[in-house]
C-alpha atoms as a PDB file:
ATOM      1  CA  UNK A   1      45.402 -18.016 -77.940  1.00  0.00           C
ATOM      2  CA  UNK A   2      42.783 -17.888 -75.226  1.00  0.00           C
ATOM      3  CA  UNK A   3      43.844 -17.272 -71.647  1.00  0.00           C
ATOM      4  CA  UNK A   4      43.479 -20.560 -69.787  1.00  0.00           C
ATOM      5  CA  UNK A   5      40.581 -19.847 -67.456  1.00  0.00           C
ATOM      6  CA  UNK A   6      40.593 -22.068 -64.371  1.00  0.00           C
ATOM      7  CA  UNK A   7      37.518 -24.316 -64.427  1.00  0.00           C
ATOM      8  CA  UNK A   8      36.101 -26.474 -61.686  1.00  0.00           C
ATOM      9  CA  UNK A   9      35.052 -30.053 -62.417  1.00  0.00           C
ATOM     10  CA  UNK A  10      31.404 -29.161 -63.061  1.00  0.00           C
ATOM     11  CA  UNK A  11      32.317 -26.400 -65.531  1.00  0.00           C
ATOM     12  CA  UNK A  12      34.744 -28.701 -67.349  1.00  0.00           C
ATOM     13  CA  UNK A  13      32.079 -31.439 -67.613  1.00  0.00           C
ATOM     14  CA  UNK A  14      29.641 -28.859 -68.997  1.00  0.00           C
ATOM     15  CA  UNK A  15      32.064 -27.929 -71.801  1.00  0.00           C
ATOM     16  CA  UNK A  16      32.556 -31.616 -72.588  1.00  0.00           C
ATOM     17  CA  UNK A  17      28.798 -32.255 -72.570  1.00  0.00           C
ATOM     18  CA  UNK A  18      28.172 -29.384 -74.984  1.00  0.00           C
ATOM     19  CA  UNK A  19      30.941 -30.603 -77.277  1.00  0.00           C
ATOM     20  CA  UNK A  20      29.550 -34.153 -77.283  1.00  0.00           C
ATOM     21  CA  UNK A  21      25.963 -32.955 -77.811  1.00  0.00           C
ATOM     22  CA  UNK A  22      27.057 -30.888 -80.801  1.00  0.00           C
ATOM     23  CA  UNK A  23      28.939 -33.856 -82.287  1.00  0.00           C
ATOM     24  CA  UNK A  24      25.827 -36.064 -81.919  1.00  0.00           C
ATOM     25  CA  UNK A  25      23.501 -33.221 -82.980  1.00  0.00           C
ATOM     26  CA  UNK A  26      21.608 -33.675 -79.712  1.00  0.00           C
ATOM     27  CA  UNK A  27      19.517 -30.913 -78.113  1.00  0.00           C
ATOM     28  CA  UNK A  28      21.349 -28.813 -75.537  1.00  0.00           C
ATOM     29  CA  UNK A  29      18.449 -27.029 -73.853  1.00  0.00           C
ATOM     30  CA  UNK A  30      18.570 -29.307 -70.803  1.00  0.00           C
ATOM     31  CA  UNK A  31      22.313 -28.847 -70.179  1.00  0.00           C
ATOM     32  CA  UNK A  32      22.803 -26.578 -67.177  1.00  0.00           C
ATOM     33  CA  UNK A  33      25.398 -23.864 -67.819  1.00  0.00           C
ATOM     34  CA  UNK A  34      26.953 -21.734 -65.093  1.00  0.00           C
ATOM     35  CA  UNK A  35      26.884 -17.958 -65.340  1.00  0.00           C
ATOM     36  CA  UNK A  36      30.694 -17.996 -65.233  1.00  0.00           C
ATOM     37  CA  UNK A  37      30.923 -19.935 -68.515  1.00  0.00           C
ATOM     38  CA  UNK A  38      28.489 -17.507 -70.138  1.00  0.00           C
ATOM     39  CA  UNK A  39      30.123 -14.345 -68.779  1.00  0.00           C
ATOM     40  CA  UNK A  40      33.607 -15.489 -69.831  1.00  0.00           C
ATOM     41  CA  UNK A  41      32.349 -16.078 -73.359  1.00  0.00           C
ATOM     42  CA  UNK A  42      32.985 -19.832 -73.400  1.00  0.00           C
ATOM     43  CA  UNK A  43      29.319 -20.702 -73.980  1.00  0.00           C
ATOM     44  CA  UNK A  44      26.554 -18.911 -75.863  1.00  0.00           C
ATOM     45  CA  UNK A  45      22.775 -19.332 -76.073  1.00  0.00           C
ATOM     46  CA  UNK A  46      20.492 -19.173 -79.082  1.00  0.00           C
ATOM     47  CA  UNK A  47      16.941 -17.797 -79.202  1.00  0.00           C
ATOM     48  CA  UNK A  48      15.382 -21.222 -78.611  1.00  0.00           C
ATOM     49  CA  UNK A  49      17.360 -21.745 -75.382  1.00  0.00           C
ATOM     50  CA  UNK A  50      19.975 -24.039 -76.891  1.00  0.00           C
ATOM     51  CA  UNK A  51      23.530 -23.698 -75.668  1.00  0.00           C
ATOM     52  CA  UNK A  52      26.694 -23.931 -77.751  1.00  0.00           C
ATOM     53  CA  UNK A  53      30.445 -23.656 -77.355  1.00  0.00           C
ATOM     54  CA  UNK A  54      31.850 -20.432 -78.709  1.00  0.00           C
ATOM     55  CA  UNK A  55      35.204 -20.337 -80.469  1.00  0.00           C
ATOM     56  CA  UNK A  56      36.741 -19.419 -77.106  1.00  0.00           C
ATOM     57  CA  UNK A  57      34.999 -22.385 -75.490  1.00  0.00           C
ATOM     58  CA  UNK A  58      36.352 -24.769 -78.121  1.00  0.00           C
ATOM     59  CA  UNK A  59      39.856 -23.366 -77.718  1.00  0.00           C
ATOM     60  CA  UNK A  60      39.624 -23.714 -73.929  1.00  0.00           C
ATOM     61  CA  UNK A  61      38.464 -27.316 -74.335  1.00  0.00           C
ATOM     62  CA  UNK A  62      41.447 -28.018 -76.617  1.00  0.00           C
ATOM     63  CA  UNK A  63      43.824 -26.677 -73.942  1.00  0.00           C
ATOM     64  CA  UNK A  64      42.890 -29.614 -71.723  1.00  0.00           C
ATOM     65  CA  UNK A  65      41.855 -29.901 -68.143  1.00  0.00           C
END
């Protein structure tokens, strides 16, 4: 179980946007991601600049707001 990291509204919306983009197979390069989401391991980046939810990010999303 992932520790429930406190997220502000913008960070929460970013996780939701990445989840929805992945479900629609949409590009994620234009989604702005805060350094906090990256440093806490909730979001990762690929070599092309795309962003994705890590396993921790998906678990945090499933914990709810």
